[in-house]
């Protein structure tokens, strides 16, 4: 069975694996427009975890759903597992994002 992942938004620099992935396997990434790309896994990645679609420098934003979900706590190579070990969550002020305010 081929390894697969989904890029949820065109801006995302990570994708969500929809199958388990072993080191060295090629992961077929489906983009939001339906096209595909391939990335070779540098890490074992379990179902529903994230794979880096490009190299991410320490301190750089991690994008999922087209939104910043954190910053790289360490460099993340293309094809590596992206998780709480190498991503520092970024708190958000959600109230500041409301379109309608009372």
C-alpha atoms as a PDB file:
ATOM      1  CA  UNK A   1       0.000   0.000   0.000  1.00  0.00           C
ATOM      2  CA  UNK A   2       1.450   3.404  -0.922  1.00  0.00           C
ATOM      3  CA  UNK A   3       2.144   5.933   1.826  1.00  0.00           C
ATOM      4  CA  UNK A   4      -0.032   8.992   1.588  1.00  0.00           C
ATOM      5  CA  UNK A   5      -0.411  12.435   3.132  1.00  0.00           C
ATOM      6  CA  UNK A   6      -2.672  15.445   2.652  1.00  0.00           C
ATOM      7  CA  UNK A   7      -1.574  19.068   2.463  1.00  0.00           C
ATOM      8  CA  UNK A   8      -4.611  20.830   3.924  1.00  0.00           C
ATOM      9  CA  UNK A   9      -3.905  24.328   2.546  1.00  0.00           C
ATOM     10  CA  UNK A  10      -1.685  25.523  -0.304  1.00  0.00           C
ATOM     11  CA  UNK A  11       0.442  27.615   2.124  1.00  0.00           C
ATOM     12  CA  UNK A  12       1.141  24.698   4.479  1.00  0.00           C
ATOM     13  CA  UNK A  13       4.731  23.552   4.916  1.00  0.00           C
ATOM     14  CA  UNK A  14       3.615  20.279   6.537  1.00  0.00           C
ATOM     15  CA  UNK A  15       1.174  17.555   5.508  1.00  0.00           C
ATOM     16  CA  UNK A  16      -0.836  15.060   7.549  1.00  0.00           C
ATOM     17  CA  UNK A  17       0.009  11.397   6.938  1.00  0.00           C
ATOM     18  CA  UNK A  18      -3.074   9.300   6.236  1.00  0.00           C
ATOM     19  CA  UNK A  19      -1.111   6.056   6.427  1.00  0.00           C
ATOM     20  CA  UNK A  20       1.765   4.920   8.635  1.00  0.00           C
ATOM     21  CA  UNK A  21       5.174   5.721   7.109  1.00  0.00           C
ATOM     22  CA  UNK A  22       8.526   4.002   7.583  1.00  0.00           C
ATOM     23  CA  UNK A  23      11.942   5.599   7.143  1.00  0.00           C
ATOM     24  CA  UNK A  24      12.935   5.734   3.461  1.00  0.00           C
ATOM     25  CA  UNK A  25       9.427   5.267   2.072  1.00  0.00           C
ATOM     26  CA  UNK A  26       8.105   7.643  -0.557  1.00  0.00           C
ATOM     27  CA  UNK A  27       5.025   9.537   0.596  1.00  0.00           C
ATOM     28  CA  UNK A  28       2.568  10.730  -2.054  1.00  0.00           C
ATOM     29  CA  UNK A  29       1.248  14.119  -0.902  1.00  0.00           C
ATOM     30  CA  UNK A  30      -2.086  15.290  -2.309  1.00  0.00           C
ATOM     31  CA  UNK A  31      -2.308  19.078  -2.516  1.00  0.00           C
ATOM     32  CA  UNK A  32      -5.525  21.073  -2.110  1.00  0.00           C
ATOM     33  CA  UNK A  33      -5.818  21.493  -5.904  1.00  0.00           C
ATOM     34  CA  UNK A  34      -5.690  17.706  -6.395  1.00  0.00           C
ATOM     35  CA  UNK A  35      -2.155  17.559  -7.767  1.00  0.00           C
ATOM     36  CA  UNK A  36       0.409  15.374  -6.042  1.00  0.00           C
ATOM     37  CA  UNK A  37       4.015  15.601  -4.950  1.00  0.00           C
ATOM     38  CA  UNK A  38       6.357  13.047  -3.413  1.00  0.00           C
ATOM     39  CA  UNK A  39       8.614  13.297  -0.385  1.00  0.00           C
ATOM     40  CA  UNK A  40      10.924  10.628   1.038  1.00  0.00           C
ATOM     41  CA  UNK A  41      10.389  10.052   4.753  1.00  0.00           C
ATOM     42  CA  UNK A  42      13.421  10.643   6.957  1.00  0.00           C
ATOM     43  CA  UNK A  43      11.483   9.489  10.033  1.00  0.00           C
ATOM     44  CA  UNK A  44       8.927   6.857  10.891  1.00  0.00           C
ATOM     45  CA  UNK A  45       5.603   8.708  11.066  1.00  0.00           C
ATOM     46  CA  UNK A  46       2.429   7.281  12.538  1.00  0.00           C
ATOM     47  CA  UNK A  47      -1.058   7.765  11.119  1.00  0.00           C
ATOM     48  CA  UNK A  48      -2.304  11.378  11.459  1.00  0.00           C
ATOM     49  CA  UNK A  49       1.097  12.844  12.311  1.00  0.00           C
ATOM     50  CA  UNK A  50       2.823  15.523  10.245  1.00  0.00           C
ATOM     51  CA  UNK A  51       5.608  15.326   7.657  1.00  0.00           C
ATOM     52  CA  UNK A  52       7.648  18.372   6.616  1.00  0.00           C
ATOM     53  CA  UNK A  53       7.151  19.288   2.954  1.00  0.00           C
ATOM     54  CA  UNK A  54      10.255  21.486   2.884  1.00  0.00           C
ATOM     55  CA  UNK A  55      13.221  22.263   5.093  1.00  0.00           C
ATOM     56  CA  UNK A  56      12.174  24.541   7.964  1.00  0.00           C
ATOM     57  CA  UNK A  57      14.783  26.570   9.830  1.00  0.00           C
ATOM     58  CA  UNK A  58      14.705  26.947  13.605  1.00  0.00           C
ATOM     59  CA  UNK A  59      12.323  29.776  14.501  1.00  0.00           C
ATOM     60  CA  UNK A  60      10.451  29.600  11.193  1.00  0.00           C
ATOM     61  CA  UNK A  61       6.648  29.381  11.222  1.00  0.00           C
ATOM     62  CA  UNK A  62       4.917  26.016  10.842  1.00  0.00           C
ATOM     63  CA  UNK A  63       1.758  26.340   8.753  1.00  0.00           C
ATOM     64  CA  UNK A  64      -1.238  23.980   8.879  1.00  0.00           C
ATOM     65  CA  UNK A  65      -4.712  24.886   7.576  1.00  0.00           C
ATOM     66  CA  UNK A  66      -2.943  27.960   6.131  1.00  0.00           C
ATOM     67  CA  UNK A  67      -2.448  29.202   9.712  1.00  0.00           C
ATOM     68  CA  UNK A  68       0.569  29.398  11.991  1.00  0.00           C
ATOM     69  CA  UNK A  69       0.392  26.520  14.472  1.00  0.00           C
ATOM     70  CA  UNK A  70       3.845  27.107  15.933  1.00  0.00           C
ATOM     71  CA  UNK A  71       7.492  27.749  15.231  1.00  0.00           C
ATOM     72  CA  UNK A  72      10.258  25.280  14.586  1.00  0.00           C
ATOM     73  CA  UNK A  73      12.032  24.669  17.898  1.00  0.00           C
ATOM     74  CA  UNK A  74      14.865  23.046  15.903  1.00  0.00           C
ATOM     75  CA  UNK A  75      15.640  22.708  12.205  1.00  0.00           C
ATOM     76  CA  UNK A  76      13.228  20.311  10.475  1.00  0.00           C
ATOM     77  CA  UNK A  77      14.389  18.592   7.295  1.00  0.00           C
ATOM     78  CA  UNK A  78      12.111  17.889   4.332  1.00  0.00           C
ATOM     79  CA  UNK A  79      10.573  14.470   4.977  1.00  0.00           C
ATOM     80  CA  UNK A  80      11.081  14.547   8.745  1.00  0.00           C
ATOM     81  CA  UNK A  81       8.412  14.072  11.396  1.00  0.00           C
ATOM     82  CA  UNK A  82       7.066  17.446  12.560  1.00  0.00           C
ATOM     83  CA  UNK A  83       5.640  17.174  16.074  1.00  0.00           C
ATOM     84  CA  UNK A  84       5.782  18.606  19.595  1.00  0.00           C
ATOM     85  CA  UNK A  85       9.483  17.719  19.861  1.00  0.00           C
ATOM     86  CA  UNK A  86      10.494  20.139  17.090  1.00  0.00           C
ATOM     87  CA  UNK A  87       7.490  22.511  17.014  1.00  0.00           C
ATOM     88  CA  UNK A  88       6.861  25.064  19.761  1.00  0.00           C
ATOM     89  CA  UNK A  89       3.166  25.997  19.907  1.00  0.00           C
ATOM     90  CA  UNK A  90       2.312  29.649  19.436  1.00  0.00           C
ATOM     91  CA  UNK A  91      -0.487  30.949  21.646  1.00  0.00           C
ATOM     92  CA  UNK A  92      -3.044  33.061  19.800  1.00  0.00           C
ATOM     93  CA  UNK A  93      -5.292  35.872  20.927  1.00  0.00           C
ATOM     94  CA  UNK A  94      -8.441  34.505  19.273  1.00  0.00           C
ATOM     95  CA  UNK A  95     -10.605  37.382  20.543  1.00  0.00           C
ATOM     96  CA  UNK A  96      -8.487  39.768  18.451  1.00  0.00           C
ATOM     97  CA  UNK A  97      -9.465  37.797  15.339  1.00  0.00           C
ATOM     98  CA  UNK A  98     -13.242  38.057  15.724  1.00  0.00           C
ATOM     99  CA  UNK A  99     -14.918  39.854  12.845  1.00  0.00           C
ATOM    100  CA  UNK A 100     -17.776  41.107  15.014  1.00  0.00           C
ATOM    101  CA  UNK A 101     -17.090  42.642  18.384  1.00  0.00           C
ATOM    102  CA  UNK A 102     -19.556  43.637  21.050  1.00  0.00           C
END
